[in-house]
C-alpha atoms as a PDB file:
ATOM      1  CA  UNK A   1      64.096 -26.714   7.584  1.00  0.00           C
ATOM      2  CA  UNK A   2      62.626 -29.311   6.164  1.00  0.00           C
ATOM      3  CA  UNK A   3      58.722 -29.276   5.143  1.00  0.00           C
ATOM      4  CA  UNK A   4      56.573 -31.734   6.637  1.00  0.00           C
ATOM      5  CA  UNK A   5      55.958 -34.953   4.606  1.00  0.00           C
ATOM      6  CA  UNK A   6      52.632 -36.227   5.655  1.00  0.00           C
ATOM      7  CA  UNK A   7      51.139 -39.311   4.084  1.00  0.00           C
ATOM      8  CA  UNK A   8      47.280 -38.577   4.945  1.00  0.00           C
ATOM      9  CA  UNK A   9      45.790 -41.673   4.532  1.00  0.00           C
ATOM     10  CA  UNK A  10      47.104 -45.272   6.089  1.00  0.00           C
ATOM     11  CA  UNK A  11      46.644 -47.751   8.518  1.00  0.00           C
ATOM     12  CA  UNK A  12      48.871 -48.302  11.049  1.00  0.00           C
ATOM     13  CA  UNK A  13      47.855 -51.004  13.522  1.00  0.00           C
ATOM     14  CA  UNK A  14      47.050 -53.553  10.434  1.00  0.00           C
ATOM     15  CA  UNK A  15      50.445 -51.938   8.135  1.00  0.00           C
ATOM     16  CA  UNK A  16      52.258 -53.318  11.000  1.00  0.00           C
ATOM     17  CA  UNK A  17      50.144 -56.832  11.206  1.00  0.00           C
ATOM     18  CA  UNK A  18      50.478 -57.046   6.857  1.00  0.00           C
ATOM     19  CA  UNK A  19      54.990 -56.937   7.982  1.00  0.00           C
ATOM     20  CA  UNK A  20      54.169 -59.922  10.195  1.00  0.00           C
ATOM     21  CA  UNK A  21      52.004 -62.139   7.327  1.00  0.00           C
ATOM     22  CA  UNK A  22      52.358 -63.389   4.188  1.00  0.00           C
ATOM     23  CA  UNK A  23      51.865 -61.589   1.145  1.00  0.00           C
ATOM     24  CA  UNK A  24      49.077 -63.384  -0.782  1.00  0.00           C
ATOM     25  CA  UNK A  25      48.848 -60.733  -3.872  1.00  0.00           C
ATOM     26  CA  UNK A  26      50.286 -58.859  -6.758  1.00  0.00           C
ATOM     27  CA  UNK A  27      53.090 -58.212  -7.448  1.00  0.00           C
ATOM     28  CA  UNK A  28      54.353 -60.359  -4.557  1.00  0.00           C
ATOM     29  CA  UNK A  29      52.244 -64.010  -5.814  1.00  0.00           C
ATOM     30  CA  UNK A  30      50.442 -63.695  -9.383  1.00  0.00           C
ATOM     31  CA  UNK A  31      49.293 -67.698  -9.125  1.00  0.00           C
ATOM     32  CA  UNK A  32      48.404 -70.054  -7.218  1.00  0.00           C
ATOM     33  CA  UNK A  33      51.382 -71.782  -6.834  1.00  0.00           C
ATOM     34  CA  UNK A  34      52.703 -68.972  -5.759  1.00  0.00           C
ATOM     35  CA  UNK A  35      50.518 -68.353  -3.477  1.00  0.00           C
ATOM     36  CA  UNK A  36      50.831 -72.325  -2.100  1.00  0.00           C
ATOM     37  CA  UNK A  37      54.404 -71.560  -1.523  1.00  0.00           C
ATOM     38  CA  UNK A  38      53.839 -68.110   0.065  1.00  0.00           C
ATOM     39  CA  UNK A  39      51.121 -70.010   2.547  1.00  0.00           C
ATOM     40  CA  UNK A  40      53.275 -72.910   2.797  1.00  0.00           C
ATOM     41  CA  UNK A  41      56.746 -70.592   3.636  1.00  0.00           C
ATOM     42  CA  UNK A  42      55.120 -67.934   6.310  1.00  0.00           C
ATOM     43  CA  UNK A  43      55.552 -69.605   9.697  1.00  0.00           C
ATOM     44  CA  UNK A  44      52.900 -69.780  12.568  1.00  0.00           C
ATOM     45  CA  UNK A  45      51.832 -67.662  14.529  1.00  0.00           C
ATOM     46  CA  UNK A  46      51.978 -67.840  18.702  1.00  0.00           C
ATOM     47  CA  UNK A  47      48.449 -68.965  17.908  1.00  0.00           C
ATOM     48  CA  UNK A  48      48.870 -71.150  15.958  1.00  0.00           C
ATOM     49  CA  UNK A  49      47.592 -68.897  12.395  1.00  0.00           C
ATOM     50  CA  UNK A  50      49.234 -68.595   9.621  1.00  0.00           C
ATOM     51  CA  UNK A  51      47.932 -65.062   8.356  1.00  0.00           C
ATOM     52  CA  UNK A  52      47.901 -63.865   4.466  1.00  0.00           C
ATOM     53  CA  UNK A  53      46.895 -59.822   3.456  1.00  0.00           C
ATOM     54  CA  UNK A  54      46.436 -58.780  -0.060  1.00  0.00           C
ATOM     55  CA  UNK A  55      44.388 -61.379  -2.134  1.00  0.00           C
ATOM     56  CA  UNK A  56      42.834 -60.702  -5.289  1.00  0.00           C
ATOM     57  CA  UNK A  57      41.009 -62.989  -7.442  1.00  0.00           C
ATOM     58  CA  UNK A  58      43.518 -62.305 -10.471  1.00  0.00           C
ATOM     59  CA  UNK A  59      45.679 -64.934  -8.505  1.00  0.00           C
ATOM     60  CA  UNK A  60      43.280 -67.847  -8.178  1.00  0.00           C
ATOM     61  CA  UNK A  61      39.887 -66.828  -8.382  1.00  0.00           C
ATOM     62  CA  UNK A  62      37.517 -67.186  -5.251  1.00  0.00           C
ATOM     63  CA  UNK A  63      39.211 -68.431  -2.783  1.00  0.00           C
ATOM     64  CA  UNK A  64      37.176 -70.371   0.001  1.00  0.00           C
ATOM     65  CA  UNK A  65      37.724 -73.046   2.465  1.00  0.00           C
ATOM     66  CA  UNK A  66      38.149 -75.890   0.539  1.00  0.00           C
ATOM     67  CA  UNK A  67      40.291 -73.785  -2.377  1.00  0.00           C
ATOM     68  CA  UNK A  68      42.902 -72.668   0.933  1.00  0.00           C
ATOM     69  CA  UNK A  69      42.238 -76.643   2.288  1.00  0.00           C
ATOM     70  CA  UNK A  70      44.107 -77.847  -0.781  1.00  0.00           C
ATOM     71  CA  UNK A  71      47.051 -74.743  -0.626  1.00  0.00           C
ATOM     72  CA  UNK A  72      47.690 -75.236   3.596  1.00  0.00           C
ATOM     73  CA  UNK A  73      45.666 -77.482   5.381  1.00  0.00           C
ATOM     74  CA  UNK A  74      47.604 -78.337   8.472  1.00  0.00           C
ATOM     75  CA  UNK A  75      47.315 -75.388  10.420  1.00  0.00           C
ATOM     76  CA  UNK A  76      44.610 -72.613  10.624  1.00  0.00           C
ATOM     77  CA  UNK A  77      44.689 -70.371   7.859  1.00  0.00           C
ATOM     78  CA  UNK A  78      43.416 -66.997   7.323  1.00  0.00           C
ATOM     79  CA  UNK A  79      43.536 -64.782   4.075  1.00  0.00           C
ATOM     80  CA  UNK A  80      42.713 -61.288   3.803  1.00  0.00           C
ATOM     81  CA  UNK A  81      41.697 -59.854   0.274  1.00  0.00           C
ATOM     82  CA  UNK A  82      42.919 -56.386  -0.587  1.00  0.00           C
ATOM     83  CA  UNK A  83      40.009 -54.554  -0.358  1.00  0.00           C
ATOM     84  CA  UNK A  84      40.384 -54.768   3.370  1.00  0.00           C
ATOM     85  CA  UNK A  85      36.390 -56.137   3.899  1.00  0.00           C
ATOM     86  CA  UNK A  86      37.165 -60.464   3.285  1.00  0.00           C
ATOM     87  CA  UNK A  87      38.705 -62.675   5.137  1.00  0.00           C
ATOM     88  CA  UNK A  88      38.965 -66.604   3.903  1.00  0.00           C
ATOM     89  CA  UNK A  89      39.577 -69.139   5.996  1.00  0.00           C
ATOM     90  CA  UNK A  90      40.435 -72.423   5.790  1.00  0.00           C
ATOM     91  CA  UNK A  91      38.947 -75.448   7.595  1.00  0.00           C
ATOM     92  CA  UNK A  92      41.128 -75.369  10.002  1.00  0.00           C
ATOM     93  CA  UNK A  93      40.387 -72.278  10.913  1.00  0.00           C
ATOM     94  CA  UNK A  94      36.813 -72.212  11.160  1.00  0.00           C
ATOM     95  CA  UNK A  95      37.120 -74.961  13.233  1.00  0.00           C
ATOM     96  CA  UNK A  96      39.061 -73.097  15.635  1.00  0.00           C
ATOM     97  CA  UNK A  97      36.625 -70.451  15.970  1.00  0.00           C
ATOM     98  CA  UNK A  98      33.876 -72.924  16.531  1.00  0.00           C
ATOM     99  CA  UNK A  99      32.058 -72.312  13.598  1.00  0.00           C
ATOM    100  CA  UNK A 100      32.685 -75.565  10.679  1.00  0.00           C
ATOM    101  CA  UNK A 101      29.868 -74.612   8.241  1.00  0.00           C
ATOM    102  CA  UNK A 102      30.073 -71.964   5.632  1.00  0.00           C
ATOM    103  CA  UNK A 103      32.445 -71.651   2.754  1.00  0.00           C
ATOM    104  CA  UNK A 104      35.093 -69.563   4.631  1.00  0.00           C
ATOM    105  CA  UNK A 105      33.904 -66.119   3.024  1.00  0.00           C
ATOM    106  CA  UNK A 106      33.835 -63.637   5.659  1.00  0.00           C
ATOM    107  CA  UNK A 107      32.523 -60.191   4.749  1.00  0.00           C
ATOM    108  CA  UNK A 108      33.314 -57.690   7.134  1.00  0.00           C
ATOM    109  CA  UNK A 109      33.865 -59.791   9.782  1.00  0.00           C
ATOM    110  CA  UNK A 110      36.828 -58.327  11.467  1.00  0.00           C
ATOM    111  CA  UNK A 111      34.616 -57.114  15.115  1.00  0.00           C
ATOM    112  CA  UNK A 112      33.077 -61.008  14.768  1.00  0.00           C
ATOM    113  CA  UNK A 113      36.794 -62.538  14.305  1.00  0.00           C
ATOM    114  CA  UNK A 114      38.663 -60.292  16.938  1.00  0.00           C
ATOM    115  CA  UNK A 115      35.583 -61.568  18.937  1.00  0.00           C
ATOM    116  CA  UNK A 116      36.337 -65.267  18.202  1.00  0.00           C
ATOM    117  CA  UNK A 117      40.282 -65.055  17.912  1.00  0.00           C
ATOM    118  CA  UNK A 118      40.559 -62.961  21.771  1.00  0.00           C
ATOM    119  CA  UNK A 119      41.955 -60.047  22.998  1.00  0.00           C
ATOM    120  CA  UNK A 120      45.285 -59.874  21.791  1.00  0.00           C
ATOM    121  CA  UNK A 121      47.701 -56.678  22.660  1.00  0.00           C
ATOM    122  CA  UNK A 122      48.412 -54.522  19.302  1.00  0.00           C
ATOM    123  CA  UNK A 123      51.338 -55.098  17.254  1.00  0.00           C
ATOM    124  CA  UNK A 124      54.430 -52.982  17.929  1.00  0.00           C
ATOM    125  CA  UNK A 125      54.786 -50.145  15.243  1.00  0.00           C
ATOM    126  CA  UNK A 126      58.117 -49.536  15.724  1.00  0.00           C
ATOM    127  CA  UNK A 127      59.021 -51.234  12.430  1.00  0.00           C
ATOM    128  CA  UNK A 128      56.137 -49.024  10.881  1.00  0.00           C
ATOM    129  CA  UNK A 129      58.084 -45.963  12.056  1.00  0.00           C
ATOM    130  CA  UNK A 130      61.004 -46.860  11.199  1.00  0.00           C
ATOM    131  CA  UNK A 131      59.943 -47.567   7.557  1.00  0.00           C
ATOM    132  CA  UNK A 132      58.052 -44.494   7.562  1.00  0.00           C
ATOM    133  CA  UNK A 133      61.165 -42.408   8.561  1.00  0.00           C
ATOM    134  CA  UNK A 134      63.133 -44.403   6.004  1.00  0.00           C
ATOM    135  CA  UNK A 135      60.992 -43.101   3.347  1.00  0.00           C
ATOM    136  CA  UNK A 136      60.944 -39.511   4.516  1.00  0.00           C
ATOM    137  CA  UNK A 137      57.288 -39.256   6.148  1.00  0.00           C
ATOM    138  CA  UNK A 138      57.511 -37.728   8.930  1.00  0.00           C
ATOM    139  CA  UNK A 139      53.179 -36.872   9.346  1.00  0.00           C
ATOM    140  CA  UNK A 140      50.856 -39.726   8.841  1.00  0.00           C
ATOM    141  CA  UNK A 141      46.643 -39.558   9.184  1.00  0.00           C
ATOM    142  CA  UNK A 142      45.811 -42.461  10.268  1.00  0.00           C
ATOM    143  CA  UNK A 143      42.069 -43.544   8.336  1.00  0.00           C
ATOM    144  CA  UNK A 144      40.920 -46.250  10.180  1.00  0.00           C
ATOM    145  CA  UNK A 145      37.220 -46.289  10.747  1.00  0.00           C
ATOM    146  CA  UNK A 146      36.976 -48.059  13.698  1.00  0.00           C
ATOM    147  CA  UNK A 147      39.475 -45.860  15.734  1.00  0.00           C
ATOM    148  CA  UNK A 148      38.019 -45.145  19.185  1.00  0.00           C
ATOM    149  CA  UNK A 149      38.937 -44.218  22.904  1.00  0.00           C
ATOM    150  CA  UNK A 150      41.125 -47.629  23.187  1.00  0.00           C
ATOM    151  CA  UNK A 151      42.689 -47.426  20.007  1.00  0.00           C
ATOM    152  CA  UNK A 152      43.692 -43.540  20.237  1.00  0.00           C
ATOM    153  CA  UNK A 153      45.001 -44.834  23.529  1.00  0.00           C
ATOM    154  CA  UNK A 154      47.478 -47.410  22.085  1.00  0.00           C
ATOM    155  CA  UNK A 155      48.656 -45.144  19.735  1.00  0.00           C
ATOM    156  CA  UNK A 156      49.783 -42.378  22.276  1.00  0.00           C
ATOM    157  CA  UNK A 157      51.592 -45.238  23.892  1.00  0.00           C
ATOM    158  CA  UNK A 158      53.172 -46.838  20.678  1.00  0.00           C
ATOM    159  CA  UNK A 159      54.745 -42.673  20.591  1.00  0.00           C
ATOM    160  CA  UNK A 160      55.161 -42.399  23.898  1.00  0.00           C
ATOM    161  CA  UNK A 161      57.672 -45.852  23.623  1.00  0.00           C
ATOM    162  CA  UNK A 162      59.390 -44.033  20.701  1.00  0.00           C
ATOM    163  CA  UNK A 163      58.007 -46.432  18.171  1.00  0.00           C
ATOM    164  CA  UNK A 164      56.445 -43.517  16.155  1.00  0.00           C
ATOM    165  CA  UNK A 165      57.884 -41.031  15.507  1.00  0.00           C
ATOM    166  CA  UNK A 166      55.847 -39.217  13.264  1.00  0.00           C
ATOM    167  CA  UNK A 167      53.022 -36.345  13.622  1.00  0.00           C
ATOM    168  CA  UNK A 168      49.713 -38.083  13.881  1.00  0.00           C
ATOM    169  CA  UNK A 169      46.311 -37.253  13.036  1.00  0.00           C
ATOM    170  CA  UNK A 170      43.862 -39.390  14.220  1.00  0.00           C
ATOM    171  CA  UNK A 171      40.107 -40.245  11.817  1.00  0.00           C
ATOM    172  CA  UNK A 172      37.776 -42.707  13.499  1.00  0.00           C
ATOM    173  CA  UNK A 173      34.286 -42.783  15.679  1.00  0.00           C
ATOM    174  CA  UNK A 174      32.611 -39.790  17.435  1.00  0.00           C
ATOM    175  CA  UNK A 175      33.753 -41.234  20.461  1.00  0.00           C
ATOM    176  CA  UNK A 176      37.006 -39.648  19.717  1.00  0.00           C
ATOM    177  CA  UNK A 177      35.586 -36.035  19.922  1.00  0.00           C
ATOM    178  CA  UNK A 178      35.554 -36.902  23.523  1.00  0.00           C
ATOM    179  CA  UNK A 179      39.393 -37.615  23.672  1.00  0.00           C
ATOM    180  CA  UNK A 180      42.406 -34.852  24.721  1.00  0.00           C
ATOM    181  CA  UNK A 181      45.006 -36.536  23.251  1.00  0.00           C
ATOM    182  CA  UNK A 182      48.605 -36.269  24.246  1.00  0.00           C
ATOM    183  CA  UNK A 183      51.507 -33.642  22.181  1.00  0.00           C
ATOM    184  CA  UNK A 184      52.375 -34.622  18.872  1.00  0.00           C
ATOM    185  CA  UNK A 185      48.701 -36.638  17.986  1.00  0.00           C
ATOM    186  CA  UNK A 186      45.361 -34.819  17.286  1.00  0.00           C
ATOM    187  CA  UNK A 187      42.004 -35.871  16.964  1.00  0.00           C
ATOM    188  CA  UNK A 188      41.029 -35.732  13.227  1.00  0.00           C
ATOM    189  CA  UNK A 189      37.682 -35.861  11.089  1.00  0.00           C
ATOM    190  CA  UNK A 190      34.500 -38.582  11.795  1.00  0.00           C
ATOM    191  CA  UNK A 191      35.676 -41.121   9.281  1.00  0.00           C
ATOM    192  CA  UNK A 192      32.580 -42.761   7.572  1.00  0.00           C
ATOM    193  CA  UNK A 193      33.205 -46.441   5.749  1.00  0.00           C
ATOM    194  CA  UNK A 194      31.163 -46.789   2.644  1.00  0.00           C
ATOM    195  CA  UNK A 195      30.612 -50.296   0.792  1.00  0.00           C
ATOM    196  CA  UNK A 196      28.427 -50.491  -1.622  1.00  0.00           C
ATOM    197  CA  UNK A 197      26.789 -53.707  -1.020  1.00  0.00           C
ATOM    198  CA  UNK A 198      25.462 -52.526   2.455  1.00  0.00           C
ATOM    199  CA  UNK A 199      25.354 -48.645   2.606  1.00  0.00           C
ATOM    200  CA  UNK A 200      23.494 -46.274   5.184  1.00  0.00           C
ATOM    201  CA  UNK A 201      20.763 -44.886   4.892  1.00  0.00           C
ATOM    202  CA  UNK A 202      20.846 -41.075   3.422  1.00  0.00           C
ATOM    203  CA  UNK A 203      19.771 -39.914   7.014  1.00  0.00           C
ATOM    204  CA  UNK A 204      21.822 -41.932   9.186  1.00  0.00           C
ATOM    205  CA  UNK A 205      24.865 -40.843   6.809  1.00  0.00           C
ATOM    206  CA  UNK A 206      23.616 -37.253   7.234  1.00  0.00           C
ATOM    207  CA  UNK A 207      23.009 -37.337  11.069  1.00  0.00           C
ATOM    208  CA  UNK A 208      26.493 -38.873  11.379  1.00  0.00           C
ATOM    209  CA  UNK A 209      28.342 -35.801   9.488  1.00  0.00           C
ATOM    210  CA  UNK A 210      25.853 -33.145  11.131  1.00  0.00           C
ATOM    211  CA  UNK A 211      26.996 -34.684  14.565  1.00  0.00           C
ATOM    212  CA  UNK A 212      30.745 -34.241  13.774  1.00  0.00           C
ATOM    213  CA  UNK A 213      30.143 -30.866  13.030  1.00  0.00           C
ATOM    214  CA  UNK A 214      28.676 -30.023  15.944  1.00  0.00           C
ATOM    215  CA  UNK A 215      31.889 -31.329  18.066  1.00  0.00           C
ATOM    216  CA  UNK A 216      34.139 -29.144  15.865  1.00  0.00           C
ATOM    217  CA  UNK A 217      35.318 -31.805  13.600  1.00  0.00           C
ATOM    218  CA  UNK A 218      35.639 -32.413   9.850  1.00  0.00           C
ATOM    219  CA  UNK A 219      33.957 -35.786   8.387  1.00  0.00           C
ATOM    220  CA  UNK A 220      35.569 -38.060   5.514  1.00  0.00           C
ATOM    221  CA  UNK A 221      34.025 -40.810   3.929  1.00  0.00           C
ATOM    222  CA  UNK A 222      35.206 -43.057   2.002  1.00  0.00           C
ATOM    223  CA  UNK A 223      34.102 -43.988  -1.311  1.00  0.00           C
ATOM    224  CA  UNK A 224      35.878 -46.074  -3.839  1.00  0.00           C
ATOM    225  CA  UNK A 225      33.156 -47.076  -6.420  1.00  0.00           C
ATOM    226  CA  UNK A 226      31.573 -44.589  -8.597  1.00  0.00           C
ATOM    227  CA  UNK A 227      28.237 -45.711  -6.590  1.00  0.00           C
ATOM    228  CA  UNK A 228      29.728 -44.896  -2.922  1.00  0.00           C
ATOM    229  CA  UNK A 229      31.177 -41.630  -4.515  1.00  0.00           C
ATOM    230  CA  UNK A 230      27.329 -40.624  -5.605  1.00  0.00           C
ATOM    231  CA  UNK A 231      26.083 -41.309  -2.091  1.00  0.00           C
ATOM    232  CA  UNK A 232      28.740 -39.510  -0.742  1.00  0.00           C
ATOM    233  CA  UNK A 233      27.745 -36.622  -2.521  1.00  0.00           C
ATOM    234  CA  UNK A 234      23.964 -36.900  -1.500  1.00  0.00           C
ATOM    235  CA  UNK A 235      25.054 -37.030   1.997  1.00  0.00           C
ATOM    236  CA  UNK A 236      27.514 -33.809   1.997  1.00  0.00           C
ATOM    237  CA  UNK A 237      24.674 -31.721  -0.286  1.00  0.00           C
ATOM    238  CA  UNK A 238      21.819 -32.250   2.099  1.00  0.00           C
ATOM    239  CA  UNK A 239      24.042 -32.279   5.772  1.00  0.00           C
ATOM    240  CA  UNK A 240      26.248 -29.256   4.503  1.00  0.00           C
ATOM    241  CA  UNK A 241      29.701 -29.358   4.382  1.00  0.00           C
ATOM    242  CA  UNK A 242      31.850 -27.504   6.784  1.00  0.00           C
ATOM    243  CA  UNK A 243      35.789 -26.596   5.590  1.00  0.00           C
ATOM    244  CA  UNK A 244      38.222 -29.812   5.344  1.00  0.00           C
ATOM    245  CA  UNK A 245      35.732 -32.013   4.390  1.00  0.00           C
ATOM    246  CA  UNK A 246      36.873 -34.602   2.579  1.00  0.00           C
ATOM    247  CA  UNK A 247      36.206 -37.502   0.462  1.00  0.00           C
ATOM    248  CA  UNK A 248      38.822 -40.865   0.256  1.00  0.00           C
ATOM    249  CA  UNK A 249      40.085 -42.214  -2.739  1.00  0.00           C
ATOM    250  CA  UNK A 250      37.573 -41.170  -5.310  1.00  0.00           C
ATOM    251  CA  UNK A 251      39.174 -43.654  -7.841  1.00  0.00           C
ATOM    252  CA  UNK A 252      36.323 -42.675 -10.305  1.00  0.00           C
ATOM    253  CA  UNK A 253      34.550 -39.828 -10.897  1.00  0.00           C
ATOM    254  CA  UNK A 254      31.890 -38.744 -13.720  1.00  0.00           C
ATOM    255  CA  UNK A 255      32.396 -35.336 -15.072  1.00  0.00           C
ATOM    256  CA  UNK A 256      29.065 -34.298 -13.325  1.00  0.00           C
ATOM    257  CA  UNK A 257      30.337 -35.889  -9.676  1.00  0.00           C
ATOM    258  CA  UNK A 258      34.075 -34.089 -10.312  1.00  0.00           C
ATOM    259  CA  UNK A 259      31.574 -30.829 -10.819  1.00  0.00           C
ATOM    260  CA  UNK A 260      29.929 -31.504  -7.653  1.00  0.00           C
ATOM    261  CA  UNK A 261      33.101 -32.390  -5.711  1.00  0.00           C
ATOM    262  CA  UNK A 262      34.265 -28.688  -6.623  1.00  0.00           C
ATOM    263  CA  UNK A 263      31.210 -27.282  -6.287  1.00  0.00           C
ATOM    264  CA  UNK A 264      30.752 -28.372  -2.597  1.00  0.00           C
ATOM    265  CA  UNK A 265      33.892 -26.962  -1.690  1.00  0.00           C
ATOM    266  CA  UNK A 266      35.346 -30.992  -0.361  1.00  0.00           C
ATOM    267  CA  UNK A 267      38.889 -32.028  -0.119  1.00  0.00           C
ATOM    268  CA  UNK A 268      40.225 -35.238  -2.008  1.00  0.00           C
ATOM    269  CA  UNK A 269      42.508 -37.479  -0.568  1.00  0.00           C
ATOM    270  CA  UNK A 270      43.700 -39.854  -3.330  1.00  0.00           C
ATOM    271  CA  UNK A 271      46.437 -42.673  -3.349  1.00  0.00           C
ATOM    272  CA  UNK A 272      48.323 -42.027  -6.646  1.00  0.00           C
ATOM    273  CA  UNK A 273      51.091 -44.959  -5.969  1.00  0.00           C
ATOM    274  CA  UNK A 274      47.555 -47.565  -5.207  1.00  0.00           C
ATOM    275  CA  UNK A 275      45.960 -45.946  -8.502  1.00  0.00           C
ATOM    276  CA  UNK A 276      49.084 -46.424 -10.833  1.00  0.00           C
ATOM    277  CA  UNK A 277      49.793 -49.806  -9.773  1.00  0.00           C
ATOM    278  CA  UNK A 278      46.209 -50.936 -10.277  1.00  0.00           C
ATOM    279  CA  UNK A 279      44.583 -49.418 -13.136  1.00  0.00           C
ATOM    280  CA  UNK A 280      45.293 -51.437 -15.671  1.00  0.00           C
ATOM    281  CA  UNK A 281      42.940 -53.996 -14.122  1.00  0.00           C
ATOM    282  CA  UNK A 282      40.499 -51.603 -13.311  1.00  0.00           C
ATOM    283  CA  UNK A 283      40.026 -50.704 -17.528  1.00  0.00           C
ATOM    284  CA  UNK A 284      39.814 -54.160 -17.684  1.00  0.00           C
ATOM    285  CA  UNK A 285      37.190 -55.022 -15.076  1.00  0.00           C
ATOM    286  CA  UNK A 286      35.477 -51.765 -15.649  1.00  0.00           C
ATOM    287  CA  UNK A 287      31.515 -50.783 -17.261  1.00  0.00           C
ATOM    288  CA  UNK A 288      32.477 -49.086 -20.606  1.00  0.00           C
ATOM    289  CA  UNK A 289      30.565 -46.453 -19.464  1.00  0.00           C
ATOM    290  CA  UNK A 290      33.084 -45.930 -16.023  1.00  0.00           C
ATOM    291  CA  UNK A 291      36.582 -46.834 -17.751  1.00  0.00           C
ATOM    292  CA  UNK A 292      36.535 -42.946 -18.982  1.00  0.00           C
ATOM    293  CA  UNK A 293      36.104 -42.145 -15.431  1.00  0.00           C
ATOM    294  CA  UNK A 294      38.725 -44.099 -14.076  1.00  0.00           C
ATOM    295  CA  UNK A 295      41.957 -41.892 -11.527  1.00  0.00           C
ATOM    296  CA  UNK A 296      39.749 -38.561 -12.872  1.00  0.00           C
ATOM    297  CA  UNK A 297      42.552 -36.581 -10.382  1.00  0.00           C
ATOM    298  CA  UNK A 298      43.841 -34.530 -13.001  1.00  0.00           C
ATOM    299  CA  UNK A 299      40.349 -33.555 -13.580  1.00  0.00           C
ATOM    300  CA  UNK A 300      39.566 -32.986 -10.072  1.00  0.00           C
ATOM    301  CA  UNK A 301      42.735 -30.733 -10.119  1.00  0.00           C
ATOM    302  CA  UNK A 302      41.650 -28.815 -13.280  1.00  0.00           C
ATOM    303  CA  UNK A 303      38.324 -28.323 -11.089  1.00  0.00           C
ATOM    304  CA  UNK A 304      40.264 -26.862  -8.410  1.00  0.00           C
ATOM    305  CA  UNK A 305      39.926 -29.217  -6.277  1.00  0.00           C
ATOM    306  CA  UNK A 306      42.128 -29.098  -2.989  1.00  0.00           C
ATOM    307  CA  UNK A 307      43.725 -32.948  -3.367  1.00  0.00           C
ATOM    308  CA  UNK A 308      45.978 -34.574  -0.374  1.00  0.00           C
ATOM    309  CA  UNK A 309      47.758 -37.788  -0.917  1.00  0.00           C
ATOM    310  CA  UNK A 310      47.881 -41.199   1.367  1.00  0.00           C
ATOM    311  CA  UNK A 311      49.278 -44.334   0.751  1.00  0.00           C
ATOM    312  CA  UNK A 312      46.499 -46.225   2.253  1.00  0.00           C
ATOM    313  CA  UNK A 313      49.272 -48.903   3.414  1.00  0.00           C
ATOM    314  CA  UNK A 314      48.781 -52.126   4.239  1.00  0.00           C
ATOM    315  CA  UNK A 315      45.685 -51.917   1.082  1.00  0.00           C
ATOM    316  CA  UNK A 316      48.455 -49.865  -1.365  1.00  0.00           C
ATOM    317  CA  UNK A 317      51.875 -49.866  -1.382  1.00  0.00           C
ATOM    318  CA  UNK A 318      53.705 -47.706   1.321  1.00  0.00           C
ATOM    319  CA  UNK A 319      55.580 -44.864  -0.910  1.00  0.00           C
ATOM    320  CA  UNK A 320      56.521 -41.287   0.284  1.00  0.00           C
ATOM    321  CA  UNK A 321      53.823 -38.374  -0.882  1.00  0.00           C
END
């Protein structure tokens, strides 16, 4: 019997949506001309919109409504940054949403966008499931921090229809603690998604970790930057660690942070294919003091930190673990 091959960190519905979107960043798109062609060639969806994903500033600088109008202004266009935290909209999109002001750059506005766009059924996971099967993945963890009972029900429905054959672990909100998933699905850790620009208070983070532990769940904290990692470690040190608590990504870690991760007994879920794709760019952009701390996974392994692998698809390349 073959061993299970588990992608420990991806985002299933976002991945399905990405398959129907224009690729707007490296490696598929590398300059403004290629971006214009990608948007021009993408057919509008049933709403009449063009959706793009994976954008990075190395392609054409900071996109705003004027830049997108020049690339494609005939239909509403929204382009997602590869971080997943920023949407960039053209004037037609802003008008369709009933807000004509601003520069079209909407940060951490997914909930607002969903409300303005209106309810829509989740995308089919049939292609996602098929692609995962082709690369040999037999289990996945959906690490979307907003997953709640509604998302769990949609994922369960996709498995019931045969769209997703893989065993499924679902991270998400504290509300998932009260759910009883069907066979083949289990409730995973509470997911805390940190953003360096808008960190919660330490008290809020500690309260969330403790609440997860009281419900018999682990915590998993997204920390892609060094500031986010430092905050996550402070939260775990104050709230306490249960076996199986996790850090997601850890793209950069000082030697001191590596020691603290090991001492706390935390697990790290890394994304090796994403790191290989972007490491050269990170080194160019990093402060000199942090450049040597990038991609610390060898250091974590030497320190005895348990390591998991996840693709972070669609925000990273989909590849077998």
